[in-house]
Amino acid sequence: MTDIDVHHLAAAYALDALDDRERFAFEAHYGACDVCHSDVHEFRDTLTQVATSLSAPPPLSLKDRVMAEVATTRQLSPALVPVAIDRHRRNRSWTMFMAAAAAFVLIVIGLAVFRGGGTGDDTYASELARVLDQTDAKVVTLENKSGANGSFKVAWSQRLGEAVLIGEELPTAPSEKAYELWLLHDDQAMAMYVLDSAGDGTVHRVVKTPADPTGWAITVEPKAGTPVATGDIIYIATL
């Protein structure tokens, strides 16, 4: 993924055609980049216009045919295994459709609205891409224990010894307080000293990971930092 410019993923993101790593990288960049934010909205609007232009009303006889089939078709009981297989096939078909739709929209538009600039943190995005490019990279979404708005995800590579934290749509921490990331290992919590108040609703940080985590947690701590958690766990993920 390191050879992909994150600015060039807007069309595929708008069509839900990215894999998990590409989506995570783009979302980390997207929230702070006005250019990509505009591109995603433009592609979605264009796809809507394309779908509308190709739509056609069904023939009047369709309802009668469907109702006739319903009256004579035996309804089957749910079967878990076949349903699971059908869902897998449907997801695969949907992914192929979305990829084709992305190519079609680009043709309809007649140009790529890809621009290299932007107000996003490219250093953070490149570090995230570097972590996700590792063969042992893992990504986890932390469970929200507080019921407040916002979300946290952590991507990390033990081989690289780095973790990337992405917090979105967060409430600003109380005065003289900040969000703190904790690495859980061997029944201990190790302070990562990510002391960010999320004044803009986001927390984007890269930290070193001295141990292989068995979980991650977020608390709200004094801005000065503390080696021992004093606040309640508000987000957590155990591995």
Protein backbone atom coordinates (compact mmCIF):
# COMPACT_ATOMS: atom_id res chain seq x y z
CA MET A 1 0.00 0.00 0.00
CA THR A 2 2.99 2.32 0.31
CA ASP A 3 2.94 2.99 -3.45
CA ILE A 4 -0.61 4.40 -3.31
CA ASP A 5 -1.13 8.15 -2.82
CA VAL A 6 -3.87 8.46 -0.20
CA HIS A 7 -5.28 11.44 -2.14
CA HIS A 8 -6.07 9.07 -5.01
CA LEU A 9 -8.44 6.87 -2.99
CA ALA A 10 -11.40 9.25 -2.86
CA ALA A 11 -13.36 7.66 -5.73
CA ALA A 12 -12.93 4.11 -4.46
CA TYR A 13 -13.81 5.24 -0.93
CA ALA A 14 -17.00 6.93 -2.13
CA LEU A 15 -17.99 3.62 -3.72
CA ASP A 16 -16.96 1.46 -0.75
CA ALA A 17 -14.40 -0.33 -2.93
CA LEU A 18 -11.38 -0.12 -0.57
CA ASP A 19 -10.00 -2.98 1.45
CA ASP A 20 -9.76 -2.62 5.24
CA ARG A 21 -6.21 -1.24 5.25
CA GLU A 22 -6.85 1.28 2.49
CA ARG A 23 -10.09 2.43 4.16
CA PHE A 24 -8.35 2.87 7.53
CA ALA A 25 -5.55 4.91 5.92
CA PHE A 26 -7.97 7.08 3.95
CA GLU A 27 -10.23 7.75 6.93
CA ALA A 28 -7.22 8.83 8.98
CA HIS A 29 -6.40 11.36 6.26
CA TYR A 30 -9.93 12.24 5.11
CA GLY A 31 -11.12 14.04 8.23
CA ALA A 32 -8.43 16.73 7.95
CA CYS A 33 -8.24 17.10 4.15
CA ASP A 34 -10.71 19.52 2.56
CA VAL A 35 -9.71 18.37 -0.93
CA CYS A 36 -10.48 14.68 -0.32
CA HIS A 37 -13.64 15.58 1.59
CA SER A 38 -14.87 17.55 -1.43
CA ASP A 39 -13.84 14.79 -3.84
CA VAL A 40 -15.81 12.13 -1.96
CA HIS A 41 -18.97 14.26 -2.04
CA GLU A 42 -18.51 15.01 -5.75
CA PHE A 43 -18.08 11.33 -6.63
CA ARG A 44 -21.14 10.35 -4.57
CA ASP A 45 -23.24 13.05 -6.23
CA THR A 46 -22.08 11.87 -9.66
CA LEU A 47 -22.90 8.24 -8.88
CA THR A 48 -26.39 9.30 -7.79
CA GLN A 49 -26.89 11.20 -11.05
CA VAL A 50 -25.65 8.22 -13.07
CA ALA A 51 -28.00 5.84 -11.26
CA THR A 52 -30.92 8.23 -11.77
CA SER A 53 -30.19 8.66 -15.48
CA LEU A 54 -30.13 4.88 -16.03
CA SER A 55 -33.22 4.09 -13.99
CA ALA A 56 -36.45 3.09 -15.71
CA PRO A 57 -39.92 2.35 -14.36
CA PRO A 58 -40.82 -1.37 -14.23
CA PRO A 59 -43.42 -2.66 -16.67
CA LEU A 60 -46.99 -2.59 -15.41
CA SER A 61 -47.20 -6.37 -15.69
CA LEU A 62 -44.31 -6.93 -13.27
CA LYS A 63 -46.42 -6.69 -10.09
CA ASP A 64 -48.95 -9.20 -11.40
CA ARG A 65 -46.18 -11.68 -12.30
CA VAL A 66 -44.51 -11.32 -8.90
CA MET A 67 -47.76 -11.80 -6.99
CA ALA A 68 -48.56 -14.86 -9.09
CA GLU A 69 -45.16 -16.36 -8.25
CA VAL A 70 -45.61 -15.61 -4.55
CA ALA A 71 -48.95 -17.41 -4.51
CA THR A 72 -47.44 -20.61 -5.95
CA THR A 73 -43.94 -20.63 -4.42
CA ARG A 74 -43.39 -22.57 -1.19
CA GLN A 75 -41.60 -20.52 1.47
CA LEU A 76 -38.52 -22.35 2.80
CA SER A 77 -37.47 -22.43 6.45
CA PRO A 78 -34.23 -20.61 7.31
CA ALA A 79 -31.06 -22.67 6.84
CA LEU A 80 -28.00 -21.21 8.52
CA VAL A 81 -25.26 -22.72 6.39
CA PRO A 82 -26.80 -21.93 2.98
CA VAL A 83 -27.60 -18.40 4.13
CA ALA A 84 -23.99 -17.88 5.20
CA ILE A 85 -22.75 -19.16 1.82
CA ASP A 86 -25.20 -16.93 -0.06
CA ARG A 87 -24.10 -13.91 1.98
CA HIS A 88 -20.48 -14.61 1.12
CA ARG A 89 -21.31 -14.84 -2.57
CA ARG A 90 -23.43 -11.72 -2.40
CA ASN A 91 -20.63 -9.76 -0.70
CA ARG A 92 -18.16 -10.91 -3.34
CA SER A 93 -20.56 -9.94 -6.13
CA TRP A 94 -21.20 -6.57 -4.46
CA THR A 95 -17.48 -5.87 -4.23
CA MET A 96 -17.06 -6.67 -7.92
CA PHE A 97 -20.02 -4.42 -8.75
CA MET A 98 -18.62 -1.53 -6.73
CA ALA A 99 -15.24 -1.81 -8.43
CA ALA A 100 -16.95 -1.77 -11.82
CA ALA A 101 -19.12 1.16 -10.75
CA ALA A 102 -16.02 3.11 -9.73
CA ALA A 103 -14.51 2.64 -13.18
CA PHE A 104 -17.80 3.59 -14.83
CA VAL A 105 -18.15 6.78 -12.82
CA LEU A 106 -14.63 7.82 -13.77
CA ILE A 107 -15.50 7.35 -17.43
CA VAL A 108 -18.73 9.34 -17.06
CA ILE A 109 -16.94 12.16 -15.29
CA GLY A 110 -14.33 12.24 -18.05
CA LEU A 111 -11.53 13.32 -15.73
CA ALA A 112 -9.98 12.47 -12.39
CA VAL A 113 -10.43 15.03 -9.67
CA PHE A 114 -7.22 13.87 -7.99
CA ARG A 115 -5.08 16.62 -6.51
CA GLY A 116 -1.82 16.22 -4.67
CA GLY A 117 -2.27 19.04 -2.17
CA GLY A 118 -4.45 19.34 0.89
CA THR A 119 -4.52 20.44 4.48
CA GLY A 120 -4.23 16.92 5.93
CA ASP A 121 -1.35 15.67 8.03
CA ASP A 122 0.65 13.83 5.36
CA THR A 123 3.30 12.78 7.87
CA TYR A 124 0.70 11.05 9.99
CA ALA A 125 -0.88 9.45 6.90
CA SER A 126 2.49 8.16 5.69
CA GLU A 127 3.29 6.71 9.13
CA LEU A 128 -0.10 5.01 9.19
CA ALA A 129 0.52 3.59 5.72
CA ARG A 130 3.94 2.34 6.84
CA VAL A 131 2.43 0.51 9.82
CA LEU A 132 -0.38 -1.01 7.78
CA ASP A 133 2.07 -2.15 5.13
CA GLN A 134 3.75 -4.51 7.61
CA THR A 135 2.89 -8.19 7.26
CA ASP A 136 2.04 -8.41 10.97
CA ALA A 137 -0.10 -5.25 11.00
CA LYS A 138 -3.29 -5.44 13.06
CA VAL A 139 -6.23 -3.05 13.40
CA VAL A 140 -8.77 -2.97 16.21
CA THR A 141 -11.78 -0.77 17.01
CA LEU A 142 -12.10 0.04 20.69
CA GLU A 143 -15.46 -0.51 22.36
CA ASN A 144 -17.09 2.67 23.61
CA LYS A 145 -17.78 2.12 27.34
CA SER A 146 -18.91 5.65 28.17
CA GLY A 147 -21.76 6.10 25.70
CA ALA A 148 -20.29 9.43 24.58
CA ASN A 149 -19.83 10.40 20.94
CA GLY A 150 -16.71 9.48 19.03
CA SER A 151 -14.61 6.43 18.27
CA PHE A 152 -11.05 5.16 18.59
CA LYS A 153 -9.10 2.70 16.45
CA VAL A 154 -5.54 1.43 16.88
CA ALA A 155 -3.33 -0.01 14.16
CA TRP A 156 0.02 -1.48 15.15
CA SER A 157 2.90 -3.62 14.04
CA GLN A 158 4.90 -5.47 16.66
CA ARG A 159 7.76 -6.01 14.21
CA LEU A 160 7.94 -2.28 13.49
CA GLY A 161 7.39 -1.42 17.14
CA GLU A 162 4.86 1.31 16.36
CA ALA A 163 1.15 1.94 16.88
CA VAL A 164 -1.09 4.51 15.26
CA LEU A 165 -4.08 5.94 17.13
CA ILE A 166 -7.02 7.46 15.33
CA GLY A 167 -9.83 9.12 17.28
CA GLU A 168 -12.73 10.75 15.44
CA GLU A 169 -15.74 12.93 16.33
CA LEU A 170 -14.68 13.12 19.97
CA PRO A 171 -15.94 15.56 22.61
CA THR A 172 -13.25 17.93 23.85
CA ALA A 173 -11.68 16.70 27.07
CA PRO A 174 -12.48 18.70 30.23
CA SER A 175 -10.22 21.59 31.19
CA GLU A 176 -6.69 20.48 32.20
CA LYS A 177 -7.55 16.93 31.04
CA ALA A 178 -6.57 14.91 27.96
CA TYR A 179 -7.16 11.55 26.31
CA GLU A 180 -4.54 8.94 27.19
CA LEU A 181 -3.78 5.69 25.36
CA TRP A 182 -2.82 2.60 27.40
CA LEU A 183 -1.17 -0.58 26.13
CA LEU A 184 -2.45 -3.61 28.05
CA HIS A 185 0.14 -6.38 28.53
CA ASP A 186 0.43 -9.19 31.09
CA ASP A 187 -2.36 -7.73 33.24
CA GLN A 188 -0.61 -4.38 33.34
CA ALA A 189 -1.45 -1.03 31.74
CA MET A 190 1.48 0.81 30.15
CA ALA A 191 1.06 4.56 29.62
CA MET A 192 1.64 5.63 26.00
CA TYR A 193 1.46 9.33 27.00
CA VAL A 194 -0.91 10.33 24.21
CA LEU A 195 -2.12 13.43 26.01
CA ASP A 196 -4.47 15.14 23.56
CA SER A 197 -7.55 17.19 24.45
CA ALA A 198 -9.18 16.56 21.03
CA GLY A 199 -9.97 20.24 20.67
CA ASP A 200 -10.81 19.68 16.99
CA GLY A 201 -12.62 16.40 17.69
CA THR A 202 -9.72 14.23 16.53
CA VAL A 203 -6.71 12.46 18.05
CA HIS A 204 -4.11 11.33 15.50
CA ARG A 205 -0.89 10.06 17.03
CA VAL A 206 1.95 7.63 16.32
CA VAL A 207 3.65 5.97 19.32
CA LYS A 208 6.29 3.35 20.00
CA THR A 209 5.08 -0.01 21.34
CA PRO A 210 7.59 -1.56 23.78
CA ALA A 211 5.54 -4.77 24.17
CA ASP A 212 3.14 -7.00 22.27
CA PRO A 213 -0.29 -5.78 23.46
CA THR A 214 -3.08 -7.96 24.78
CA GLY A 215 -5.39 -4.97 24.58
CA TRP A 216 -5.74 -1.20 24.30
CA ALA A 217 -7.61 1.29 26.46
CA ILE A 218 -8.40 5.00 26.60
CA THR A 219 -8.90 7.08 29.74
CA VAL A 220 -9.05 10.80 30.45
CA GLU A 221 -6.06 11.92 32.53
CA PRO A 222 -4.40 15.15 33.72
CA LYS A 223 -2.59 16.94 30.88
CA ALA A 224 0.70 16.58 32.73
CA GLY A 225 0.48 12.80 32.34
CA THR A 226 0.51 9.96 34.82
CA PRO A 227 2.18 6.53 34.84
CA VAL A 228 -0.89 5.00 36.52
CA ALA A 229 -4.43 5.43 35.21
CA THR A 230 -6.60 7.62 37.41
CA GLY A 231 -9.68 7.92 35.20
CA ASP A 232 -12.28 5.35 34.21
CA ILE A 233 -11.72 3.34 31.04
CA ILE A 234 -13.97 4.90 28.38
CA TYR A 235 -12.77 2.86 25.37
CA ILE A 236 -11.23 -0.61 25.43
CA ALA A 237 -10.37 -3.56 23.20
CA THR A 238 -8.97 -6.88 24.42
CA LEU A 239 -7.23 -9.17 21.96
